[in-house]
Amino acid sequence: MIDHLDVKIRLFLLGAPICLALIGLVADLHIACSRQYKEMTSALQRSACLPFATGMWGEQKIGSRILVISVIAGAIGSPAFSIRRGLLDEQDHLQFPRYLRGKILIASSLNTIGIAWVAAYYLMKLIK
């Protein structure tokens, strides 16, 4: 299906999503290794999503922290749903640092776009 495209276009179609996902992963890694992780956890003290995520994944290793950040991104990405379900406290949502919320949501979006794009690319290759 895409074999008729120029090699440069095919490289772009595969390389761009990998770059996007890597940028998102580096942003998550930066949060996990910096004081921003402590800011995030202290801002969510009343929310049920933090003990749920840390209980499931832990907090000692970098990979565990990245998974916790991903769970938190889901909770703050859809706050109305998370508040209704009791995962996110409304006061925590309102007091969560704005710059950190933006950084977490952008990193999560880049990861999602990159993975979905790679999956679509390989599905197109399978359909051929």
N, C-alpha and C. Protein backbone atom coordinates (compact mmCIF):
# COMPACT_ATOMS: atom_id res chain seq x y z
N MET A 1 0.81 -1.19 0.00
CA MET A 1 0.00 0.00 0.00
C MET A 1 0.86 1.26 0.00
N ILE A 2 1.95 1.24 0.77
CA ILE A 2 2.81 2.42 0.78
C ILE A 2 4.15 2.14 0.09
N ASP A 3 4.27 0.98 -0.51
CA ASP A 3 5.53 0.63 -1.17
C ASP A 3 5.79 1.47 -2.41
N HIS A 4 4.75 2.05 -2.97
CA HIS A 4 4.93 2.88 -4.16
C HIS A 4 5.45 4.27 -3.81
N LEU A 5 5.47 4.63 -2.53
CA LEU A 5 5.94 5.94 -2.11
C LEU A 5 7.46 6.01 -2.16
N ASP A 6 7.95 7.22 -2.27
CA ASP A 6 9.39 7.46 -2.28
C ASP A 6 10.00 7.00 -0.95
N VAL A 7 11.25 6.62 -0.99
CA VAL A 7 11.93 6.12 0.21
C VAL A 7 11.98 7.19 1.30
N LYS A 8 12.18 8.46 0.92
CA LYS A 8 12.24 9.54 1.90
C LYS A 8 10.90 9.70 2.62
N ILE A 9 9.82 9.56 1.90
CA ILE A 9 8.49 9.68 2.52
C ILE A 9 8.25 8.50 3.45
N ARG A 10 8.64 7.32 3.03
CA ARG A 10 8.47 6.15 3.90
C ARG A 10 9.32 6.26 5.16
N LEU A 11 10.55 6.77 5.03
CA LEU A 11 11.38 6.99 6.21
C LEU A 11 10.75 8.02 7.15
N PHE A 12 10.17 9.07 6.57
CA PHE A 12 9.49 10.07 7.39
C PHE A 12 8.29 9.45 8.10
N LEU A 13 7.52 8.64 7.37
CA LEU A 13 6.33 8.03 7.97
C LEU A 13 6.68 7.10 9.13
N LEU A 14 7.85 6.53 9.12
CA LEU A 14 8.27 5.67 10.22
C LEU A 14 9.12 6.42 11.25
N GLY A 15 9.93 7.36 10.80
CA GLY A 15 10.83 8.07 11.71
C GLY A 15 10.15 9.12 12.57
N ALA A 16 9.18 9.83 12.01
CA ALA A 16 8.51 10.90 12.76
C ALA A 16 7.81 10.40 14.02
N PRO A 17 7.04 9.33 13.94
CA PRO A 17 6.38 8.90 15.18
C PRO A 17 7.36 8.37 16.23
N ILE A 18 8.44 7.78 15.78
CA ILE A 18 9.44 7.31 16.74
C ILE A 18 10.07 8.50 17.45
N CYS A 19 10.35 9.56 16.69
CA CYS A 19 10.90 10.78 17.31
C CYS A 19 9.90 11.40 18.28
N LEU A 20 8.63 11.45 17.90
CA LEU A 20 7.61 12.00 18.80
C LEU A 20 7.53 11.21 20.09
N ALA A 21 7.50 9.89 19.97
CA ALA A 21 7.41 9.04 21.17
C ALA A 21 8.67 9.19 22.03
N LEU A 22 9.83 9.32 21.42
CA LEU A 22 11.06 9.50 22.19
C LEU A 22 11.08 10.84 22.92
N ILE A 23 10.56 11.89 22.28
CA ILE A 23 10.48 13.20 22.94
C ILE A 23 9.56 13.10 24.15
N GLY A 24 8.42 12.44 23.98
CA GLY A 24 7.50 12.25 25.10
C GLY A 24 8.13 11.44 26.22
N LEU A 25 8.87 10.41 25.86
CA LEU A 25 9.54 9.57 26.87
C LEU A 25 10.62 10.35 27.61
N VAL A 26 11.36 11.18 26.90
CA VAL A 26 12.39 12.00 27.54
C VAL A 26 11.75 13.01 28.50
N ALA A 27 10.61 13.58 28.12
CA ALA A 27 9.91 14.50 29.02
C ALA A 27 9.44 13.77 30.28
N ASP A 28 8.89 12.58 30.11
CA ASP A 28 8.49 11.77 31.28
C ASP A 28 9.70 11.42 32.14
N LEU A 29 10.80 11.08 31.50
CA LEU A 29 12.03 10.74 32.21
C LEU A 29 12.54 11.93 33.01
N HIS A 30 12.45 13.12 32.42
CA HIS A 30 12.88 14.32 33.12
C HIS A 30 12.03 14.56 34.37
N ILE A 31 10.73 14.38 34.25
CA ILE A 31 9.85 14.55 35.41
C ILE A 31 10.18 13.51 36.47
N ALA A 32 10.39 12.27 36.04
CA ALA A 32 10.64 11.17 36.99
C ALA A 32 11.95 11.34 37.74
N CYS A 33 12.93 11.96 37.12
CA CYS A 33 14.26 12.10 37.74
C CYS A 33 14.48 13.44 38.43
N SER A 34 13.52 14.32 38.38
CA SER A 34 13.73 15.66 38.94
C SER A 34 12.81 15.91 40.13
N ARG A 35 12.91 17.10 40.67
CA ARG A 35 12.05 17.48 41.79
C ARG A 35 10.59 17.61 41.37
N GLN A 36 10.33 17.64 40.07
CA GLN A 36 8.95 17.75 39.59
C GLN A 36 8.13 16.52 39.98
N TYR A 37 8.77 15.38 40.12
CA TYR A 37 8.04 14.18 40.57
C TYR A 37 7.54 14.38 41.99
N LYS A 38 8.38 14.94 42.84
CA LYS A 38 7.98 15.23 44.23
C LYS A 38 6.87 16.27 44.25
N GLU A 39 6.95 17.28 43.39
CA GLU A 39 5.89 18.28 43.29
C GLU A 39 4.57 17.62 42.89
N MET A 40 4.64 16.71 41.92
CA MET A 40 3.44 16.03 41.45
C MET A 40 2.82 15.20 42.57
N THR A 41 3.64 14.43 43.26
CA THR A 41 3.10 13.57 44.31
C THR A 41 2.57 14.38 45.49
N SER A 42 3.22 15.48 45.82
CA SER A 42 2.72 16.29 46.93
C SER A 42 1.46 17.06 46.55
N ALA A 43 1.26 17.33 45.27
CA ALA A 43 0.05 18.03 44.82
C ALA A 43 -1.16 17.11 44.76
N LEU A 44 -0.96 15.80 44.83
CA LEU A 44 -2.06 14.84 44.71
C LEU A 44 -2.28 14.05 45.99
N GLN A 45 -2.06 14.65 47.13
CA GLN A 45 -2.16 13.93 48.40
C GLN A 45 -3.57 13.45 48.73
N ARG A 46 -4.59 14.16 48.29
CA ARG A 46 -5.97 13.78 48.60
C ARG A 46 -6.59 12.88 47.53
N SER A 47 -5.90 12.69 46.43
CA SER A 47 -6.45 11.93 45.30
C SER A 47 -6.16 10.44 45.44
N ALA A 48 -7.11 9.63 45.00
CA ALA A 48 -6.96 8.18 45.09
C ALA A 48 -6.08 7.61 43.98
N CYS A 49 -5.88 8.38 42.91
CA CYS A 49 -5.10 7.85 41.78
C CYS A 49 -3.63 7.67 42.14
N LEU A 50 -3.10 8.51 43.01
CA LEU A 50 -1.68 8.40 43.36
C LEU A 50 -1.38 7.13 44.17
N PRO A 51 -2.11 6.85 45.26
CA PRO A 51 -1.83 5.59 45.97
C PRO A 51 -2.11 4.36 45.12
N PHE A 52 -3.10 4.46 44.23
CA PHE A 52 -3.40 3.35 43.32
C PHE A 52 -2.20 3.08 42.42
N ALA A 53 -1.68 4.14 41.80
CA ALA A 53 -0.56 3.98 40.85
C ALA A 53 0.72 3.56 41.56
N THR A 54 1.02 4.18 42.70
CA THR A 54 2.26 3.81 43.40
C THR A 54 2.15 2.43 44.03
N GLY A 55 0.95 2.03 44.42
CA GLY A 55 0.77 0.68 44.95
C GLY A 55 0.94 -0.37 43.88
N MET A 56 0.52 -0.05 42.67
CA MET A 56 0.62 -1.01 41.57
C MET A 56 2.03 -1.05 40.99
N TRP A 57 2.66 0.11 40.79
CA TRP A 57 3.94 0.16 40.10
C TRP A 57 5.13 0.42 41.02
N GLY A 58 4.91 1.04 42.17
CA GLY A 58 6.02 1.39 43.05
C GLY A 58 6.60 2.74 42.68
N GLU A 59 7.63 3.16 43.42
CA GLU A 59 8.24 4.47 43.16
C GLU A 59 9.76 4.42 43.17
N GLN A 60 10.34 3.27 43.36
CA GLN A 60 11.78 3.20 43.55
C GLN A 60 12.57 3.31 42.25
N LYS A 61 12.09 2.68 41.21
CA LYS A 61 12.83 2.66 39.95
C LYS A 61 12.30 3.73 39.00
N ILE A 62 13.12 4.12 38.06
CA ILE A 62 12.74 5.15 37.09
C ILE A 62 11.57 4.68 36.24
N GLY A 63 11.60 3.43 35.80
CA GLY A 63 10.51 2.89 35.00
C GLY A 63 9.19 2.91 35.74
N SER A 64 9.24 2.62 37.03
CA SER A 64 8.03 2.66 37.86
C SER A 64 7.48 4.07 37.95
N ARG A 65 8.37 5.03 38.10
CA ARG A 65 7.94 6.42 38.18
C ARG A 65 7.31 6.88 36.86
N ILE A 66 7.87 6.44 35.75
CA ILE A 66 7.30 6.81 34.45
C ILE A 66 5.90 6.22 34.31
N LEU A 67 5.69 5.00 34.77
CA LEU A 67 4.36 4.41 34.72
C LEU A 67 3.39 5.15 35.64
N VAL A 68 3.85 5.59 36.80
CA VAL A 68 3.01 6.38 37.70
C VAL A 68 2.62 7.69 37.02
N ILE A 69 3.58 8.33 36.35
CA ILE A 69 3.29 9.58 35.63
C ILE A 69 2.25 9.34 34.55
N SER A 70 2.30 8.19 33.89
CA SER A 70 1.31 7.87 32.86
C SER A 70 -0.09 7.73 33.45
N VAL A 71 -0.18 7.10 34.61
CA VAL A 71 -1.49 6.97 35.27
C VAL A 71 -2.01 8.34 35.67
N ILE A 72 -1.14 9.18 36.21
CA ILE A 72 -1.53 10.53 36.61
C ILE A 72 -1.94 11.34 35.38
N ALA A 73 -1.26 11.15 34.26
CA ALA A 73 -1.63 11.86 33.03
C ALA A 73 -3.05 11.51 32.61
N GLY A 74 -3.42 10.25 32.76
CA GLY A 74 -4.79 9.86 32.44
C GLY A 74 -5.80 10.52 33.35
N ALA A 75 -5.45 10.64 34.63
CA ALA A 75 -6.37 11.25 35.59
C ALA A 75 -6.52 12.75 35.36
N ILE A 76 -5.40 13.45 35.13
CA ILE A 76 -5.51 14.90 34.94
C ILE A 76 -5.89 15.26 33.51
N GLY A 77 -5.79 14.30 32.60
CA GLY A 77 -6.19 14.55 31.22
C GLY A 77 -7.70 14.57 31.03
N SER A 78 -8.41 13.86 31.87
CA SER A 78 -9.88 13.88 31.85
C SER A 78 -10.37 14.11 33.28
N PRO A 79 -10.24 15.35 33.75
CA PRO A 79 -10.52 15.62 35.16
C PRO A 79 -11.97 15.41 35.57
N ALA A 80 -12.92 15.75 34.71
CA ALA A 80 -14.33 15.59 35.09
C ALA A 80 -14.64 14.12 35.34
N PHE A 81 -14.20 13.26 34.46
CA PHE A 81 -14.41 11.82 34.61
C PHE A 81 -13.69 11.30 35.85
N SER A 82 -12.45 11.73 36.05
CA SER A 82 -11.66 11.25 37.19
C SER A 82 -12.24 11.72 38.52
N ILE A 83 -12.76 12.93 38.56
CA ILE A 83 -13.37 13.44 39.79
C ILE A 83 -14.65 12.68 40.08
N ARG A 84 -15.47 12.44 39.05
CA ARG A 84 -16.71 11.66 39.23
C ARG A 84 -16.42 10.26 39.74
N ARG A 85 -15.38 9.64 39.24
CA ARG A 85 -15.03 8.28 39.64
C ARG A 85 -14.31 8.23 40.98
N GLY A 86 -13.92 9.36 41.50
CA GLY A 86 -13.23 9.41 42.79
C GLY A 86 -11.73 9.20 42.70
N LEU A 87 -11.18 9.22 41.50
CA LEU A 87 -9.74 9.05 41.34
C LEU A 87 -8.96 10.32 41.62
N LEU A 88 -9.59 11.45 41.35
CA LEU A 88 -8.93 12.75 41.47
C LEU A 88 -9.76 13.64 42.37
N ASP A 89 -9.13 14.25 43.35
CA ASP A 89 -9.82 15.18 44.23
C ASP A 89 -9.94 16.52 43.52
N GLU A 90 -11.09 17.16 43.64
CA GLU A 90 -11.32 18.42 42.93
C GLU A 90 -10.35 19.50 43.39
N GLN A 91 -10.06 19.56 44.66
CA GLN A 91 -9.13 20.56 45.17
C GLN A 91 -7.71 20.29 44.64
N ASP A 92 -7.32 19.02 44.58
CA ASP A 92 -6.02 18.68 44.00
C ASP A 92 -5.95 19.10 42.54
N HIS A 93 -7.04 18.89 41.82
CA HIS A 93 -7.07 19.28 40.41
C HIS A 93 -6.90 20.78 40.25
N LEU A 94 -7.57 21.56 41.08
CA LEU A 94 -7.50 23.01 40.97
C LEU A 94 -6.14 23.55 41.40
N GLN A 95 -5.48 22.88 42.33
CA GLN A 95 -4.20 23.36 42.85
C GLN A 95 -2.99 22.70 42.18
N PHE A 96 -3.22 21.81 41.23
CA PHE A 96 -2.10 21.15 40.56
C PHE A 96 -1.31 22.20 39.77
N PRO A 97 0.02 22.19 39.84
CA PRO A 97 0.81 23.21 39.12
C PRO A 97 0.53 23.19 37.61
N ARG A 98 0.20 24.36 37.08
CA ARG A 98 -0.21 24.47 35.68
C ARG A 98 0.89 24.04 34.72
N TYR A 99 2.13 24.47 34.96
CA TYR A 99 3.22 24.11 34.05
C TYR A 99 3.47 22.59 34.06
N LEU A 100 3.32 21.97 35.22
CA LEU A 100 3.55 20.53 35.32
C LEU A 100 2.42 19.77 34.64
N ARG A 101 1.20 20.25 34.78
CA ARG A 101 0.06 19.63 34.09
C ARG A 101 0.28 19.68 32.58
N GLY A 102 0.69 20.84 32.09
CA GLY A 102 0.95 20.96 30.65
C GLY A 102 2.04 20.04 30.17
N LYS A 103 3.12 19.97 30.93
CA LYS A 103 4.25 19.11 30.54
C LYS A 103 3.85 17.64 30.53
N ILE A 104 3.11 17.22 31.55
CA ILE A 104 2.67 15.82 31.62
C ILE A 104 1.72 15.50 30.48
N LEU A 105 0.78 16.40 30.20
CA LEU A 105 -0.20 16.13 29.14
C LEU A 105 0.43 16.16 27.75
N ILE A 106 1.39 17.05 27.53
CA ILE A 106 2.08 17.09 26.24
C ILE A 106 2.90 15.81 26.04
N ALA A 107 3.62 15.39 27.07
CA ALA A 107 4.41 14.15 26.97
C ALA A 107 3.51 12.95 26.71
N SER A 108 2.39 12.89 27.40
CA SER A 108 1.45 11.79 27.20
C SER A 108 0.87 11.81 25.78
N SER A 109 0.55 13.00 25.29
CA SER A 109 0.02 13.11 23.93
C SER A 109 1.05 12.69 22.89
N LEU A 110 2.29 13.11 23.08
CA LEU A 110 3.34 12.72 22.13
C LEU A 110 3.54 11.21 22.13
N ASN A 111 3.53 10.60 23.30
CA ASN A 111 3.66 9.14 23.38
C ASN A 111 2.50 8.45 22.67
N THR A 112 1.28 8.93 22.91
CA THR A 112 0.10 8.32 22.29
C THR A 112 0.12 8.48 20.78
N ILE A 113 0.44 9.68 20.30
CA ILE A 113 0.49 9.92 18.86
C ILE A 113 1.56 9.04 18.22
N GLY A 114 2.74 8.98 18.84
CA GLY A 114 3.82 8.18 18.28
C GLY A 114 3.48 6.71 18.19
N ILE A 115 2.92 6.16 19.25
CA ILE A 115 2.57 4.74 19.25
C ILE A 115 1.44 4.45 18.27
N ALA A 116 0.43 5.31 18.23
CA ALA A 116 -0.69 5.10 17.30
C ALA A 116 -0.21 5.20 15.85
N TRP A 117 0.70 6.13 15.58
CA TRP A 117 1.21 6.31 14.23
C TRP A 117 2.01 5.08 13.79
N VAL A 118 2.87 4.57 14.66
CA VAL A 118 3.64 3.36 14.33
C VAL A 118 2.70 2.18 14.11
N ALA A 119 1.68 2.06 14.96
CA ALA A 119 0.71 0.97 14.80
C ALA A 119 -0.03 1.09 13.47
N ALA A 120 -0.44 2.30 13.11
CA ALA A 120 -1.13 2.50 11.83
C ALA A 120 -0.21 2.18 10.66
N TYR A 121 1.05 2.56 10.77
CA TYR A 121 2.03 2.27 9.72
C TYR A 121 2.15 0.77 9.50
N TYR A 122 2.28 0.02 10.58
CA TYR A 122 2.43 -1.42 10.44
C TYR A 122 1.13 -2.10 10.03
N LEU A 123 0.00 -1.55 10.42
CA LEU A 123 -1.27 -2.09 9.93
C LEU A 123 -1.41 -1.89 8.43
N MET A 124 -0.95 -0.74 7.94
CA MET A 124 -0.98 -0.51 6.49
C MET A 124 -0.07 -1.49 5.78
N LYS A 125 1.06 -1.81 6.38
CA LYS A 125 1.97 -2.79 5.78
C LYS A 125 1.35 -4.18 5.78
N LEU A 126 0.57 -4.52 6.82
CA LEU A 126 -0.08 -5.82 6.89
C LEU A 126 -1.20 -5.96 5.87
N ILE A 127 -1.92 -4.88 5.64
CA ILE A 127 -3.04 -4.91 4.70
C ILE A 127 -2.55 -5.20 3.29
N LYS A 128 -1.38 -4.73 2.97
CA LYS A 128 -0.81 -4.94 1.64
C LYS A 128 -0.74 -6.40 1.37
